[in-house]
Amino acid sequence: GVERVETFDTDVDGRSWDGKLVGIAEYDEIPSKSDHRIVLKLETGNTRDLYVGFNRATGFTGDNQQASDRVTITEAGSNGLSYSQSWLVATLESGSPPYRVADWRGSGEDLVVTVNSIRRGGAPWFANVSVRLEEVGDRTPPPTKFPTKGPTDFPTNQPTNVPTNVPTNVPTKQPTSDPTTQPTSNPTDSPTKRPSISPTNAPSAFPTSSPTTRNPTSAPTNFPTANLPTPTTESPTTSAPTNSQTNISTPPPTNMPTQSPSRQRPTDISTPPPTSNPTKAPADQPTTLPPSKSPTTQPTGVPTSEMTTSQPTNLVTSKMPTSQPTKLPTNFPTNRPTSNPTEPTMIKLSTPNRKGAKEKNAKGVAFTVEAKKDVIMTGMDIVAKTNAVSKVLIYTRVGEYEGSALTSNKGWTLAYRGTIPNQDSQLYSLGDFIDEVKIAAGQSQSFYVFSRKRMLYTASQSEGLVYSEDDSVAIREGEATRGLFRKPLKGTTSRFAGVVRYHVQ
C-alpha cells in the first residue's frame, strides 16, 4: 500500500506542517489518492523522536483503555528504525490547549502541536493537526513560583547570583580614566648627576654643563701661543755732560712687541701645557700633544665624529645623548598592522563526474576527504535536481564513517544550511560553511550532503576508492541514502558530484 508515515524536520521542511491523521484500524478506509497519514514523526535531531497519531477506538483497536479517539504524542528511541521503549507524553482533542516543546532543537523557538478539529462520523475518522514553530515572544511566560524579593537599600558586600540592572553605588577599584598624556611630575631645576635611562619628555630648565672660566679661542690652533715678556728700550747717553740739556725723547712703541736679543739661541723649546678648556670644534688633524693627566669633567660643546684619532685627545670621542628625545619609537602602538596579511589562495577541486552524474534516486550522498597537506575546507558546490527549490544540509565528522553512522545524526556536526533556488544549471555554488573545517595532513574528514529535492551522483562498486584528487586532497567514494540519515542504498556505492573548496594552511 501507499506509505502513510511522514517525517517532519524543521531544518529541512520549513516551519510548519498541516495534515490529516487517521487511526491504524481504518487504514483500509483511506482514499487511495488522499494525503492522509497514519503517523507523523517529528525529527528532534537525536535518536529519541516524537510521534503524533490518531488513537481511533474501532476494529482491532476498539478496546482502548486510554485516550480513545484522541490525538496522542509519544516518545521513542532508535530513530524509529528498530524496537524501542516508548512513552506517552501528551493526549489532545479538538479545542484542548496545544502541546508545546520549548527551545526546539536549540533554536530558541517553541514547537507547537495543535488539534484543530476531529471529524467524527463516516469512514475514516480523522484529526486535522497542525505543527509549527513559534518565536518565544509569541507565548506568555509562566508565572514565578514565589514572589521575588524587593531590591536592597544598599549594595551587597558579596556579588549577587544575577547581575543588577543598574550600576552599584560603590566605585570600582580599577582606574576610572585613561592615562594622562603629560608627565605627572615636572622636570628638575638642576641637571641630574647621571643620564636618565630613558629620554625625558621635556628639556631641563638649565643647561647640563657650567660655562667655562675663560673664553675659548676663536679658532683651533695647532699649538698654544707662548707667553713671552716684552723687553724694555733704554736710551743711550753721552759719556760727558753738555752745556745744554739735550732733549731726547723715547721713541713710540712699535706695533709688534720686541724681543730682547739673547746672547745664545736656545736649542730646545719645551712643549707648553694644553689649554685649560677644550676648543669649540675638533682639530682638523689629530693632535700631537700628550694626553691630559686626568679626563675632562665636562663634555665638549660639539661631539666629535665616530672616527678615532691616532693619538688620545682632550675631547670626548663618544656621542652624548641628544637634548631632545628621538622620534622613535612611537608613543603608542599603531592602529593598523605595518603590512597587510596576504589572503590565502582558494583552491577548487572539481570531481570528474560533475557533468556526467545521472543517478537521482537519493537525497543524501556521503563521502570522505583525505588531506595530503594541512588544509581548511571552506565550502562546496553540488550537483542537484534542476528547476526545483530545495533545502540543502551538509554535515561533517572527523575520520571515516561507517554505514551505520548514516542512520543517525549522532557524531555529525552541521556545517551548512541553505536553499537552492529554482535554477537551470545542475551545478549550484553554495555559500561558505558555518565554521571552517580543518584537516591535518594524513587525516580524513567525512561529509554528508543532503538535498530535499534529490542529489545527482554516479553509481559505483568500489567504496573507499579515490576517484578525484590533486596535490593537497583526495576524495573517496561513499554511499547514498534515500532520505536524511536513512540506511544506505544496497548493492551500490556513490561518487559525489560537485566541487570542494579549500585552501592550504
Protein backbone atom coordinates (compact mmCIF):
# COMPACT_ATOMS: atom_id res chain seq x y z
CA GLY A 1 0.00 0.00 0.00
CA VAL A 2 0.92 3.68 -0.03
CA GLU A 3 3.36 4.71 2.69
CA ARG A 4 1.35 6.64 5.28
CA VAL A 5 4.22 7.60 7.62
CA GLU A 6 5.72 11.06 7.17
CA THR A 7 8.73 12.75 8.79
CA PHE A 8 8.65 16.47 9.56
CA ASP A 9 12.10 18.03 10.04
CA THR A 10 12.10 21.77 10.75
CA ASP A 11 15.68 22.03 9.45
CA VAL A 12 14.61 20.70 6.06
CA ASP A 13 10.83 21.00 5.64
CA GLY A 14 10.22 24.52 6.86
CA ARG A 15 8.45 25.98 9.88
CA SER A 16 5.02 24.33 9.68
CA TRP A 17 3.10 21.18 8.75
CA ASP A 18 -0.65 20.68 8.29
CA GLY A 19 -2.42 17.40 7.56
CA LYS A 20 -4.96 14.74 8.45
CA LEU A 21 -4.19 11.80 10.74
CA VAL A 22 -6.20 8.55 10.53
CA GLY A 23 -6.27 5.67 13.04
CA ILE A 24 -4.38 2.48 12.14
CA ALA A 25 -7.60 0.43 12.40
CA GLU A 26 -9.11 2.40 9.47
CA TYR A 27 -6.05 2.21 7.24
CA ASP A 28 -8.02 0.39 4.53
CA GLU A 29 -10.66 3.13 4.53
CA ILE A 30 -8.21 5.85 3.46
CA PRO A 31 -8.90 7.07 -0.12
CA SER A 32 -6.02 5.98 -2.37
CA LYS A 33 -5.35 9.46 -3.73
CA SER A 34 -5.61 11.29 -0.44
CA ASP A 35 -2.71 12.67 1.62
CA HIS A 36 -3.97 11.20 4.91
CA ARG A 37 -1.26 9.91 7.27
CA ILE A 38 -1.19 7.28 9.99
CA VAL A 39 1.89 8.62 11.85
CA LEU A 40 3.75 11.93 11.78
CA LYS A 41 7.34 11.68 13.00
CA LEU A 42 8.80 14.88 14.48
CA GLU A 43 12.58 14.78 13.93
CA THR A 44 14.30 16.01 17.12
CA GLY A 45 17.85 15.85 15.82
CA ASN A 46 18.77 12.86 18.01
CA THR A 47 17.72 9.20 18.28
CA ARG A 48 14.73 9.96 20.56
CA ASP A 49 11.99 11.38 18.36
CA LEU A 50 8.30 12.35 18.85
CA TYR A 51 5.45 10.54 17.05
CA VAL A 52 1.95 12.02 16.52
CA GLY A 53 -1.02 9.71 15.75
CA PHE A 54 -4.83 9.46 15.98
CA ASN A 55 -5.85 6.76 18.51
CA ARG A 56 -9.10 5.70 16.81
CA ALA A 57 -11.15 3.31 19.00
CA THR A 58 -12.61 0.91 16.43
CA GLY A 59 -11.96 -2.52 14.97
CA PHE A 60 -8.93 -4.26 16.47
CA THR A 61 -8.18 -1.07 18.48
CA GLY A 62 -11.72 -0.81 19.83
CA ASP A 63 -10.70 -1.96 23.34
CA ASN A 64 -8.53 1.09 24.01
CA GLN A 65 -8.26 1.82 27.72
CA GLN A 66 -6.73 5.30 27.34
CA ALA A 67 -7.02 8.34 25.04
CA SER A 68 -9.67 6.81 22.78
CA ASP A 69 -10.43 8.89 19.68
CA ARG A 70 -7.82 11.47 20.69
CA VAL A 71 -4.52 12.57 19.20
CA THR A 72 -1.56 11.06 21.06
CA ILE A 73 2.09 12.17 21.20
CA THR A 74 4.62 9.51 22.16
CA GLU A 75 8.41 9.49 22.51
CA ALA A 76 10.55 6.56 21.33
CA GLY A 77 14.22 5.86 20.67
CA SER A 78 16.32 4.11 17.99
CA ASN A 79 15.29 6.80 15.48
CA GLY A 80 12.16 4.72 14.74
CA LEU A 81 14.19 2.08 12.89
CA SER A 82 14.06 -0.75 15.44
CA TYR A 83 12.38 -1.83 18.67
CA SER A 84 12.48 0.76 21.46
CA GLN A 85 10.62 1.60 24.65
CA SER A 86 8.02 4.35 24.12
CA TRP A 87 6.39 6.86 26.49
CA LEU A 88 3.06 8.67 26.16
CA VAL A 89 3.82 12.37 26.68
CA ALA A 90 0.52 14.06 25.73
CA THR A 91 -3.07 13.46 24.55
CA LEU A 92 -5.01 16.14 22.68
CA GLU A 93 -8.52 16.64 21.41
CA SER A 94 -10.25 19.38 19.47
CA GLY A 95 -10.20 22.62 21.45
CA SER A 96 -7.67 21.46 24.06
CA PRO A 97 -4.53 23.56 24.74
CA PRO A 98 -1.76 22.76 22.25
CA TYR A 99 1.28 20.68 23.16
CA ARG A 100 4.42 22.82 23.30
CA VAL A 101 8.15 21.92 23.27
CA ALA A 102 10.29 24.85 24.45
CA ASP A 103 13.56 25.76 22.67
CA TRP A 104 13.04 23.20 19.94
CA ARG A 105 16.39 21.72 18.86
CA GLY A 106 18.20 24.65 20.48
CA SER A 107 16.63 27.14 18.06
CA GLY A 108 15.26 29.43 20.77
CA GLU A 109 11.76 28.83 19.36
CA ASP A 110 8.92 26.59 20.55
CA LEU A 111 7.44 23.70 18.58
CA VAL A 112 3.61 23.76 18.95
CA VAL A 113 1.27 20.83 18.08
CA THR A 114 -2.42 21.79 17.76
CA VAL A 115 -5.53 19.68 17.05
CA ASN A 116 -7.76 21.96 15.02
CA SER A 117 -10.71 19.54 14.68
CA ILE A 118 -11.69 15.87 14.70
CA ARG A 119 -14.18 14.58 12.13
CA ARG A 120 -16.41 12.03 13.76
CA GLY A 121 -18.71 10.06 11.50
CA GLY A 122 -18.22 8.23 8.25
CA ALA A 123 -15.06 6.32 7.47
CA PRO A 124 -12.40 7.06 8.14
CA TRP A 125 -12.45 9.40 11.11
CA PHE A 126 -9.52 11.81 11.05
CA ALA A 127 -7.95 14.63 13.04
CA ASN A 128 -6.87 17.91 11.47
CA VAL A 129 -3.47 18.60 13.04
CA SER A 130 -1.01 21.47 12.60
CA VAL A 131 2.62 21.69 13.74
CA ARG A 132 4.55 24.94 13.65
CA LEU A 133 7.48 26.84 15.12
CA GLU A 134 6.70 29.93 17.18
CA GLU A 135 9.01 32.60 18.48
CA VAL A 136 9.41 32.76 22.23
CA GLY A 137 7.79 36.18 22.35
CA ASP A 138 4.57 34.67 20.99
CA ARG A 139 3.84 32.77 24.21
CA THR A 140 3.01 34.13 27.65
CA PRO A 141 5.81 33.41 30.14
CA PRO A 142 4.74 31.21 33.08
CA PRO A 143 4.26 32.93 36.45
CA THR A 144 7.02 32.64 39.03
CA LYS A 145 6.56 30.03 41.75
CA PHE A 146 7.19 32.55 44.52
CA PRO A 147 7.14 36.35 44.59
CA THR A 148 10.54 37.91 44.15
CA LYS A 149 12.22 39.80 46.97
CA GLY A 150 12.44 43.56 46.77
CA PRO A 151 15.77 45.26 45.97
CA THR A 152 18.08 46.05 48.88
CA ASP A 153 18.56 49.65 50.03
CA PHE A 154 22.33 49.33 49.91
CA PRO A 155 24.71 47.39 47.66
CA THR A 156 25.57 43.93 48.94
CA ASN A 157 29.07 43.06 50.10
CA GLN A 158 29.16 39.87 48.07
CA PRO A 159 28.42 39.60 44.35
CA THR A 160 24.85 38.62 43.52
CA ASN A 161 23.99 35.50 41.51
CA VAL A 162 22.25 37.63 38.89
CA PRO A 163 23.75 40.91 37.63
CA THR A 164 21.90 44.05 38.77
CA ASN A 165 20.02 46.23 36.29
CA VAL A 166 21.83 49.40 37.36
CA PRO A 167 25.44 50.00 38.44
CA THR A 168 26.29 49.83 42.15
CA ASN A 169 26.96 52.95 44.21
CA VAL A 170 30.44 51.83 45.21
CA PRO A 171 33.16 52.89 42.72
CA THR A 172 35.34 50.25 41.20
CA LYS A 173 38.89 49.65 42.35
CA GLN A 174 40.28 49.98 38.86
CA PRO A 175 41.22 53.44 37.46
CA THR A 176 38.23 55.26 36.03
CA SER A 177 40.06 57.40 33.46
CA ASP A 178 42.62 56.90 30.76
CA PRO A 179 46.33 57.56 31.41
CA THR A 180 47.40 61.23 31.06
CA THR A 181 49.33 62.31 28.00
CA GLN A 182 51.62 64.67 30.01
CA PRO A 183 54.16 63.54 32.61
CA THR A 184 52.84 63.52 36.18
CA SER A 185 55.90 65.39 37.57
CA ASN A 186 57.83 68.47 36.43
CA PRO A 187 61.45 68.25 35.24
CA THR A 188 64.17 69.00 37.80
CA ASP A 189 65.64 72.51 38.03
CA SER A 190 69.19 71.24 38.06
CA PRO A 191 70.78 68.64 35.82
CA THR A 192 70.87 65.11 37.15
CA LYS A 193 74.17 63.59 38.15
CA ARG A 194 73.72 60.72 35.76
CA PRO A 195 71.90 60.47 32.45
CA SER A 196 68.38 59.00 32.74
CA ILE A 197 67.68 55.50 31.41
CA SER A 198 65.04 56.82 29.02
CA PRO A 199 64.85 60.27 27.34
CA THR A 200 62.83 62.86 29.29
CA ASN A 201 59.62 64.33 27.92
CA ALA A 202 60.99 67.92 28.05
CA PRO A 203 64.47 69.54 28.36
CA SER A 204 65.64 70.62 31.80
CA ALA A 205 65.23 74.22 32.92
CA PHE A 206 69.01 74.86 32.89
CA PRO A 207 71.90 73.59 30.74
CA THR A 208 73.58 70.45 31.90
CA SER A 209 77.10 71.95 31.97
CA SER A 210 78.53 75.13 33.59
CA PRO A 211 80.20 77.83 31.45
CA THR A 212 83.95 77.82 31.09
CA THR A 213 86.01 80.29 33.12
CA ARG A 214 87.83 81.51 30.05
CA ASN A 215 86.69 82.30 26.61
CA PRO A 216 87.68 79.66 24.08
CA THR A 217 89.91 80.60 21.22
CA SER A 218 88.28 81.93 18.11
CA ALA A 219 89.68 79.12 16.02
CA PRO A 220 91.55 75.94 16.80
CA THR A 221 95.37 76.22 16.64
CA ASN A 222 97.95 73.59 16.17
CA PHE A 223 99.92 74.86 19.17
CA PRO A 224 99.07 77.23 22.00
CA THR A 225 100.65 80.69 21.91
CA ALA A 226 103.76 81.29 24.07
CA ASN A 227 103.52 83.99 26.72
CA LEU A 228 106.86 85.74 26.22
CA PRO A 229 107.67 89.00 28.09
CA THR A 230 108.17 92.21 26.17
CA PRO A 231 111.70 93.79 26.81
CA THR A 232 112.12 97.47 27.67
CA THR A 233 114.08 100.00 25.49
CA GLU A 234 116.88 102.08 27.09
CA SER A 235 118.03 105.48 25.68
CA PRO A 236 121.80 105.85 25.03
CA THR A 237 123.61 108.64 26.96
CA THR A 238 126.85 110.63 26.16
CA SER A 239 129.98 109.88 28.02
CA ALA A 240 130.41 113.53 29.03
CA PRO A 241 127.96 116.18 30.08
CA THR A 242 126.99 119.02 27.74
CA ASN A 243 126.36 122.73 28.36
CA SER A 244 122.78 122.46 27.30
CA GLN A 245 120.29 119.82 28.01
CA THR A 246 119.68 117.73 25.06
CA ASN A 247 116.05 116.82 24.68
CA ILE A 248 115.99 113.22 23.51
CA SER A 249 112.54 111.69 23.51
CA THR A 250 111.76 108.00 23.86
CA PRO A 251 110.62 106.56 20.56
CA PRO A 252 106.98 105.40 20.39
CA PRO A 253 106.22 101.77 20.97
CA THR A 254 106.08 99.54 17.97
CA ASN A 255 103.01 97.72 16.86
CA MET A 256 104.61 94.38 17.49
CA PRO A 257 106.35 93.54 20.75
CA THR A 258 110.12 93.42 20.54
CA GLN A 259 112.19 90.68 21.89
CA SER A 260 115.37 91.27 23.77
CA PRO A 261 118.34 89.86 21.97
CA SER A 262 119.77 86.83 23.53
CA ARG A 263 123.39 86.04 23.58
CA GLN A 264 122.69 82.47 22.68
CA ARG A 265 119.77 80.99 20.74
CA PRO A 266 118.04 78.32 22.75
CA THR A 267 118.43 74.88 21.24
CA ASP A 268 115.38 73.27 22.92
CA ILE A 269 111.95 74.72 23.49
CA SER A 270 109.71 72.51 25.61
CA THR A 271 106.05 71.96 24.57
CA PRO A 272 103.79 74.20 26.64
CA PRO A 273 100.84 72.54 28.50
CA PRO A 274 97.45 72.26 26.78
CA THR A 275 94.84 74.91 27.20
CA SER A 276 92.66 74.68 30.27
CA ASN A 277 89.46 74.34 28.25
CA PRO A 278 88.79 72.46 25.02
CA THR A 279 88.12 74.37 21.86
CA LYS A 280 84.63 74.63 20.39
CA ALA A 281 85.42 72.47 17.40
CA PRO A 282 87.72 69.49 16.94
CA ALA A 283 91.01 69.92 15.18
CA ASP A 284 91.24 69.07 11.52
CA GLN A 285 94.14 66.74 12.19
CA PRO A 286 94.83 64.52 15.18
CA THR A 287 96.77 66.37 17.85
CA THR A 288 100.35 65.52 18.70
CA LEU A 289 100.08 66.76 22.25
CA PRO A 290 100.33 64.29 25.09
CA PRO A 291 97.04 63.32 26.73
CA SER A 292 95.90 65.12 29.80
CA LYS A 293 96.70 63.57 33.13
CA SER A 294 93.03 63.22 34.06
CA PRO A 295 89.86 63.11 31.95
CA THR A 296 87.88 66.28 31.42
CA THR A 297 84.98 66.88 33.79
CA GLN A 298 82.61 68.32 31.18
CA PRO A 299 81.78 67.17 27.68
CA THR A 300 82.72 69.33 24.75
CA GLY A 301 80.13 71.61 23.20
CA VAL A 302 80.13 69.68 19.93
CA PRO A 303 80.59 65.91 19.93
CA THR A 304 83.41 64.52 17.90
CA SER A 305 82.87 62.23 14.96
CA GLU A 306 82.83 58.49 15.30
CA MET A 307 86.33 58.31 13.78
CA THR A 308 89.07 57.88 16.34
CA THR A 309 92.26 59.96 16.34
CA SER A 310 95.68 58.45 16.09
CA GLN A 311 96.60 59.91 19.47
CA PRO A 312 94.48 60.46 22.57
CA THR A 313 92.83 63.87 22.62
CA ASN A 314 91.33 66.07 25.28
CA LEU A 315 87.97 65.89 23.53
CA VAL A 316 85.32 63.25 24.29
CA THR A 317 85.14 60.83 21.36
CA SER A 318 81.79 59.18 22.13
CA LYS A 319 78.43 60.67 21.26
CA MET A 320 76.40 62.15 24.08
CA PRO A 321 72.63 61.79 24.43
CA THR A 322 70.62 64.30 22.42
CA SER A 323 68.95 67.14 24.31
CA GLN A 324 65.51 66.17 22.98
CA PRO A 325 64.01 62.66 22.86
CA THR A 326 64.13 60.96 19.49
CA LYS A 327 61.04 60.46 17.38
CA LEU A 328 61.40 56.69 17.55
CA PRO A 329 59.91 54.55 18.96
CA THR A 330 56.34 55.82 18.72
CA ASN A 331 54.46 56.72 21.90
CA PHE A 332 51.59 54.32 21.18
CA PRO A 333 51.20 51.17 19.08
CA THR A 334 49.83 51.75 15.61
CA ASN A 335 46.13 51.15 14.97
CA ARG A 336 46.82 49.07 11.89
CA PRO A 337 49.46 46.47 11.12
CA THR A 338 52.50 47.74 9.28
CA SER A 339 51.85 45.26 6.50
CA ASN A 340 48.64 43.71 5.22
CA PRO A 341 48.27 39.95 5.66
CA THR A 342 48.08 38.02 2.45
CA GLU A 343 44.80 36.32 1.65
CA PRO A 344 45.06 32.52 1.33
CA THR A 345 44.70 31.18 -2.18
CA MET A 346 41.34 29.48 -2.66
CA ILE A 347 41.57 26.11 -4.44
CA LYS A 348 38.66 24.32 -6.12
CA LEU A 349 38.79 20.59 -6.81
CA SER A 350 36.10 19.56 -9.32
CA THR A 351 35.11 15.89 -9.46
CA PRO A 352 35.43 14.25 -12.91
CA ASN A 353 31.75 13.23 -12.86
CA ARG A 354 30.49 16.77 -12.28
CA LYS A 355 28.82 16.84 -15.72
CA GLY A 356 28.10 13.14 -16.05
CA ALA A 357 26.19 12.39 -12.83
CA LYS A 358 22.92 10.68 -13.77
CA GLU A 359 21.66 8.81 -10.71
CA LYS A 360 18.85 10.68 -8.96
CA ASN A 361 17.24 8.16 -6.63
CA ALA A 362 18.89 9.53 -3.47
CA LYS A 363 18.59 12.63 -1.35
CA GLY A 364 21.82 12.15 0.61
CA VAL A 365 25.39 11.39 -0.52
CA ALA A 366 28.24 10.63 1.88
CA PHE A 367 31.97 10.65 1.04
CA THR A 368 35.40 11.09 2.67
CA VAL A 369 38.12 13.68 2.02
CA GLU A 370 41.73 12.71 2.82
CA ALA A 371 44.26 15.53 3.28
CA LYS A 372 47.79 15.30 1.88
CA LYS A 373 48.66 18.70 3.39
CA ASP A 374 47.22 20.77 6.22
CA VAL A 375 44.09 22.22 4.60
CA ILE A 376 40.99 24.17 5.61
CA MET A 377 37.71 23.25 3.90
CA THR A 378 35.51 26.32 3.36
CA GLY A 379 32.58 25.18 1.21
CA MET A 380 31.17 23.10 -1.65
CA ASP A 381 29.30 23.31 -4.94
CA ILE A 382 26.83 20.47 -5.50
CA VAL A 383 25.03 18.88 -8.45
CA ALA A 384 21.30 18.68 -7.69
CA LYS A 385 17.96 18.46 -9.45
CA THR A 386 17.26 21.46 -11.68
CA ASN A 387 14.22 23.73 -11.71
CA ALA A 388 13.31 22.90 -8.12
CA VAL A 389 13.66 24.90 -4.95
CA SER A 390 15.38 22.67 -2.41
CA LYS A 391 16.76 22.91 1.08
CA VAL A 392 20.33 21.70 1.50
CA LEU A 393 22.13 20.44 4.61
CA ILE A 394 25.79 19.43 4.90
CA TYR A 395 27.08 17.51 7.91
CA THR A 396 30.68 16.58 8.76
CA ARG A 397 32.56 14.38 11.21
CA VAL A 398 36.20 13.60 11.96
CA GLY A 399 37.65 10.50 10.30
CA GLU A 400 36.00 7.91 8.11
CA TYR A 401 32.38 6.91 8.72
CA GLU A 402 30.71 3.52 8.84
CA GLY A 403 27.44 2.69 7.09
CA SER A 404 25.54 2.60 10.40
CA ALA A 405 26.58 6.19 11.09
CA LEU A 406 24.27 7.36 8.29
CA THR A 407 21.15 6.29 10.19
CA SER A 408 21.58 8.93 12.89
CA ASN A 409 22.98 12.43 13.18
CA LYS A 410 24.85 11.41 16.33
CA GLY A 411 28.52 12.31 15.92
CA TRP A 412 27.83 14.61 12.97
CA THR A 413 28.17 18.41 13.05
CA LEU A 414 26.04 20.68 10.87
CA ALA A 415 28.45 22.55 8.56
CA TYR A 416 25.98 24.24 6.18
CA ARG A 417 22.25 25.03 5.93
CA GLY A 418 20.75 26.80 2.93
CA THR A 419 18.34 26.70 -0.01
CA ILE A 420 18.89 26.12 -3.72
CA PRO A 421 16.70 28.43 -5.84
CA ASN A 422 14.84 27.39 -8.97
CA GLN A 423 17.93 27.24 -11.21
CA ASP A 424 18.61 25.85 -14.69
CA SER A 425 22.16 24.65 -14.06
CA GLN A 426 22.78 21.37 -12.26
CA LEU A 427 25.91 22.73 -10.53
CA TYR A 428 24.99 25.17 -7.81
CA SER A 429 27.54 27.13 -5.76
CA LEU A 430 26.66 27.05 -2.08
CA GLY A 431 27.81 29.61 0.47
CA ASP A 432 30.68 29.05 2.88
CA PHE A 433 30.46 26.61 5.75
CA ILE A 434 29.16 27.81 9.11
CA ASP A 435 32.65 27.10 10.50
CA GLU A 436 35.78 26.25 8.53
CA VAL A 437 36.74 22.56 8.69
CA LYS A 438 40.44 21.94 9.35
CA ILE A 439 42.03 18.67 8.21
CA ALA A 440 45.62 17.86 9.17
CA ALA A 441 47.93 16.18 6.68
CA GLY A 442 47.38 12.41 6.67
CA GLN A 443 43.94 12.70 8.32
CA SER A 444 40.43 12.15 6.91
CA GLN A 445 37.11 14.01 7.24
CA SER A 446 33.69 12.68 6.26
CA PHE A 447 30.89 14.76 4.70
CA TYR A 448 27.18 14.01 4.26
CA VAL A 449 25.33 16.22 1.73
CA PHE A 450 21.51 16.21 1.73
CA SER A 451 19.16 17.91 -0.76
CA ARG A 452 15.41 17.75 -0.22
CA LYS A 453 14.74 17.59 -3.97
CA ARG A 454 17.37 14.87 -4.56
CA MET A 455 21.09 14.83 -5.30
CA LEU A 456 22.68 13.69 -8.54
CA TYR A 457 25.61 11.25 -8.25
CA THR A 458 27.42 8.43 -10.07
CA ALA A 459 26.87 4.82 -9.02
CA SER A 460 29.92 2.63 -8.45
CA GLN A 461 31.03 -0.60 -6.75
CA SER A 462 34.29 0.45 -5.01
CA GLU A 463 33.58 2.18 -1.70
CA GLY A 464 36.66 3.96 -0.37
CA LEU A 465 38.36 4.18 -3.77
CA VAL A 466 39.98 7.55 -4.60
CA TYR A 467 38.30 8.91 -7.73
CA SER A 468 39.29 12.59 -7.61
CA GLU A 469 42.46 14.23 -6.23
CA ASP A 470 45.08 16.94 -6.54
CA ASP A 471 48.37 17.53 -4.71
CA SER A 472 46.57 18.57 -1.47
CA VAL A 473 43.39 16.45 -1.06
CA ALA A 474 41.81 13.22 -2.31
CA ILE A 475 38.07 12.33 -2.48
CA ARG A 476 36.98 8.74 -1.83
CA GLU A 477 33.77 7.00 -2.92
CA GLY A 478 30.97 6.76 -0.35
CA GLU A 479 27.31 5.81 -0.05
CA ALA A 480 23.89 7.27 -0.87
CA THR A 481 20.63 7.40 1.14
CA ARG A 482 17.02 7.91 0.10
CA GLY A 483 16.29 10.28 2.97
CA LEU A 484 18.00 12.24 5.71
CA PHE A 485 20.00 9.84 7.90
CA ARG A 486 18.49 6.69 6.47
CA LYS A 487 20.03 3.32 5.69
CA PRO A 488 22.40 3.42 2.67
CA LEU A 489 21.15 2.06 -0.65
CA LYS A 490 22.02 -1.60 -1.02
CA GLY A 491 24.24 -3.07 -3.70
CA THR A 492 25.89 0.17 -4.79
CA THR A 493 28.27 2.91 -3.72
CA SER A 494 28.25 6.53 -4.82
CA ARG A 495 30.58 9.15 -6.17
CA PHE A 496 29.81 12.69 -5.03
CA ALA A 497 29.48 15.09 -7.97
CA GLY A 498 30.48 18.71 -7.49
CA VAL A 499 33.30 20.92 -6.28
CA VAL A 500 35.08 21.14 -2.91
CA ARG A 501 36.61 24.49 -1.91
CA TYR A 502 39.63 24.75 0.39
CA HIS A 503 42.95 26.50 0.99
CA VAL A 504 46.28 25.22 2.26
CA GLN A 505 47.41 26.35 5.70
